C-alpha atoms as a PDB file:
ATOM      1  CA  UNK A   1     -45.288 -58.317 104.504  1.00  0.00           C
ATOM      2  CA  UNK A   2     -48.709 -59.360 105.745  1.00  0.00           C
ATOM      3  CA  UNK A   3     -51.223 -56.911 107.151  1.00  0.00           C
ATOM      4  CA  UNK A   4     -50.724 -58.401 110.626  1.00  0.00           C
ATOM      5  CA  UNK A   5     -46.972 -57.969 110.294  1.00  0.00           C
ATOM      6  CA  UNK A   6     -47.400 -54.315 109.373  1.00  0.00           C
ATOM      7  CA  UNK A   7     -49.820 -53.793 112.263  1.00  0.00           C
ATOM      8  CA  UNK A   8     -47.293 -55.345 114.638  1.00  0.00           C
ATOM      9  CA  UNK A   9     -44.577 -53.070 113.312  1.00  0.00           C
ATOM     10  CA  UNK A  10     -46.859 -50.035 113.674  1.00  0.00           C
ATOM     11  CA  UNK A  11     -47.562 -51.008 117.281  1.00  0.00           C
ATOM     12  CA  UNK A  12     -43.817 -51.393 117.922  1.00  0.00           C
ATOM     13  CA  UNK A  13     -43.106 -47.970 116.397  1.00  0.00           C
ATOM     14  CA  UNK A  14     -45.916 -46.367 118.404  1.00  0.00           C
ATOM     15  CA  UNK A  15     -44.515 -47.899 121.576  1.00  0.00           C
ATOM     16  CA  UNK A  16     -41.014 -46.640 120.691  1.00  0.00           C
ATOM     17  CA  UNK A  17     -42.370 -43.124 120.023  1.00  0.00           C
ATOM     18  CA  UNK A  18     -44.063 -43.064 123.459  1.00  0.00           C
ATOM     19  CA  UNK A  19     -40.801 -44.188 125.081  1.00  0.00           C
ATOM     20  CA  UNK A  20     -38.868 -41.410 123.329  1.00  0.00           C
ATOM     21  CA  UNK A  21     -41.511 -38.839 124.332  1.00  0.00           C
ATOM     22  CA  UNK A  22     -41.014 -39.829 127.988  1.00  0.00           C
ATOM     23  CA  UNK A  23     -37.230 -39.527 127.567  1.00  0.00           C
ATOM     24  CA  UNK A  24     -37.641 -36.065 126.020  1.00  0.00           C
ATOM     25  CA  UNK A  25     -39.769 -34.892 128.949  1.00  0.00           C
ATOM     26  CA  UNK A  26     -36.879 -35.813 131.270  1.00  0.00           C
ATOM     27  CA  UNK A  27     -34.262 -34.082 129.108  1.00  0.00           C
ATOM     28  CA  UNK A  28     -33.258 -30.624 130.393  1.00  0.00           C
ATOM     29  CA  UNK A  29     -31.611 -28.149 128.019  1.00  0.00           C
ATOM     30  CA  UNK A  30     -30.487 -24.705 129.080  1.00  0.00           C
ATOM     31  CA  UNK A  31     -29.097 -21.560 127.515  1.00  0.00           C
ATOM     32  CA  UNK A  32     -27.849 -18.240 128.891  1.00  0.00           C
ATOM     33  CA  UNK A  33     -27.972 -14.711 127.505  1.00  0.00           C
ATOM     34  CA  UNK A  34     -27.442 -11.307 129.168  1.00  0.00           C
ATOM     35  CA  UNK A  35     -27.508 -12.733 132.701  1.00  0.00           C
ATOM     36  CA  UNK A  36     -30.634 -14.823 132.089  1.00  0.00           C
ATOM     37  CA  UNK A  37     -30.607 -18.638 132.127  1.00  0.00           C
ATOM     38  CA  UNK A  38     -33.592 -20.511 130.660  1.00  0.00           C
ATOM     39  CA  UNK A  39     -34.119 -24.261 131.038  1.00  0.00           C
ATOM     40  CA  UNK A  40     -36.508 -26.187 128.772  1.00  0.00           C
ATOM     41  CA  UNK A  41     -37.273 -29.882 128.421  1.00  0.00           C
ATOM     42  CA  UNK A  42     -37.193 -31.923 125.218  1.00  0.00           C
ATOM     43  CA  UNK A  43     -40.872 -31.153 124.685  1.00  0.00           C
ATOM     44  CA  UNK A  44     -40.053 -27.423 124.415  1.00  0.00           C
ATOM     45  CA  UNK A  45     -41.645 -26.515 127.764  1.00  0.00           C
ATOM     46  CA  UNK A  46     -39.928 -23.789 129.783  1.00  0.00           C
ATOM     47  CA  UNK A  47     -39.046 -25.318 133.146  1.00  0.00           C
ATOM     48  CA  UNK A  48     -37.093 -22.542 134.799  1.00  0.00           C
ATOM     49  CA  UNK A  49     -35.909 -18.970 134.302  1.00  0.00           C
ATOM     50  CA  UNK A  50     -33.025 -17.692 136.414  1.00  0.00           C
ATOM     51  CA  UNK A  51     -31.899 -14.069 136.479  1.00  0.00           C
ATOM     52  CA  UNK A  52     -28.458 -13.171 137.720  1.00  0.00           C
ATOM     53  CA  UNK A  53     -28.457 -10.498 140.452  1.00  0.00           C
ATOM     54  CA  UNK A  54     -25.782  -8.685 138.430  1.00  0.00           C
ATOM     55  CA  UNK A  55     -27.951  -8.602 135.292  1.00  0.00           C
ATOM     56  CA  UNK A  56     -28.723  -5.223 133.782  1.00  0.00           C
ATOM     57  CA  UNK A  57     -32.463  -5.050 134.277  1.00  0.00           C
ATOM     58  CA  UNK A  58     -32.922  -3.207 130.975  1.00  0.00           C
ATOM     59  CA  UNK A  59     -31.400  -6.197 129.182  1.00  0.00           C
ATOM     60  CA  UNK A  60     -33.423  -8.840 131.046  1.00  0.00           C
ATOM     61  CA  UNK A  61     -36.316  -8.921 128.559  1.00  0.00           C
ATOM     62  CA  UNK A  62     -33.890  -9.323 125.682  1.00  0.00           C
ATOM     63  CA  UNK A  63     -31.991 -11.992 127.599  1.00  0.00           C
ATOM     64  CA  UNK A  64     -35.156 -13.979 128.352  1.00  0.00           C
ATOM     65  CA  UNK A  65     -36.157 -13.930 124.695  1.00  0.00           C
ATOM     66  CA  UNK A  66     -32.708 -14.894 123.390  1.00  0.00           C
ATOM     67  CA  UNK A  67     -32.040 -17.584 125.999  1.00  0.00           C
ATOM     68  CA  UNK A  68     -35.486 -19.121 125.501  1.00  0.00           C
ATOM     69  CA  UNK A  69     -35.101 -19.212 121.721  1.00  0.00           C
ATOM     70  CA  UNK A  70     -31.636 -20.789 121.983  1.00  0.00           C
ATOM     71  CA  UNK A  71     -32.804 -23.420 124.468  1.00  0.00           C
ATOM     72  CA  UNK A  72     -35.867 -24.293 122.360  1.00  0.00           C
ATOM     73  CA  UNK A  73     -33.723 -24.653 119.222  1.00  0.00           C
ATOM     74  CA  UNK A  74     -31.384 -27.004 121.087  1.00  0.00           C
ATOM     75  CA  UNK A  75     -34.387 -29.004 122.325  1.00  0.00           C
ATOM     76  CA  UNK A  76     -35.807 -29.216 118.794  1.00  0.00           C
ATOM     77  CA  UNK A  77     -32.512 -30.529 117.452  1.00  0.00           C
ATOM     78  CA  UNK A  78     -32.213 -33.137 120.202  1.00  0.00           C
ATOM     79  CA  UNK A  79     -35.859 -34.186 119.764  1.00  0.00           C
ATOM     80  CA  UNK A  80     -35.415 -34.586 116.010  1.00  0.00           C
ATOM     81  CA  UNK A  81     -32.350 -36.778 116.547  1.00  0.00           C
ATOM     82  CA  UNK A  82     -34.221 -39.041 118.953  1.00  0.00           C
ATOM     83  CA  UNK A  83     -37.249 -39.339 116.665  1.00  0.00           C
ATOM     84  CA  UNK A  84     -35.201 -40.253 113.551  1.00  0.00           C
ATOM     85  CA  UNK A  85     -35.288 -43.961 114.355  1.00  0.00           C
ATOM     86  CA  UNK A  86     -39.067 -44.003 114.705  1.00  0.00           C
ATOM     87  CA  UNK A  87     -39.636 -41.986 111.544  1.00  0.00           C
ATOM     88  CA  UNK A  88     -37.227 -44.174 109.587  1.00  0.00           C
ATOM     89  CA  UNK A  89     -39.143 -47.258 110.681  1.00  0.00           C
ATOM     90  CA  UNK A  90     -42.428 -45.666 109.687  1.00  0.00           C
ATOM     91  CA  UNK A  91     -41.107 -44.855 106.198  1.00  0.00           C
ATOM     92  CA  UNK A  92     -40.062 -48.492 105.832  1.00  0.00           C
ATOM     93  CA  UNK A  93     -43.588 -49.643 106.689  1.00  0.00           C
ATOM     94  CA  UNK A  94     -45.094 -47.275 104.150  1.00  0.00           C
ATOM     95  CA  UNK A  95     -42.823 -48.572 101.403  1.00  0.00           C
ATOM     96  CA  UNK A  96     -40.383 -45.629 101.421  1.00  0.00           C
ATOM     97  CA  UNK A  97     -36.618 -45.878 101.220  1.00  0.00           C
END
């Protein structure tokens, strides 16, 4: 492949990565624990924290931590799945399998 061909492919992959990043920002993932619901986007940013009025206030801190960690792990998994196509294309350009 010529240098210009590789540069074109790199540009295409960069464009695809930007598109996926925008999609991830729009993706909302939530998790609940101990009466606390945390919503994050695909970029691992916490968007919202909801606390049930019935929640035991002693368990709220634990619930926030657990729900946030679960939501972030889900977001990481979804982000990795979406980025696989871009990373696979990049490996191909670099001569990998």
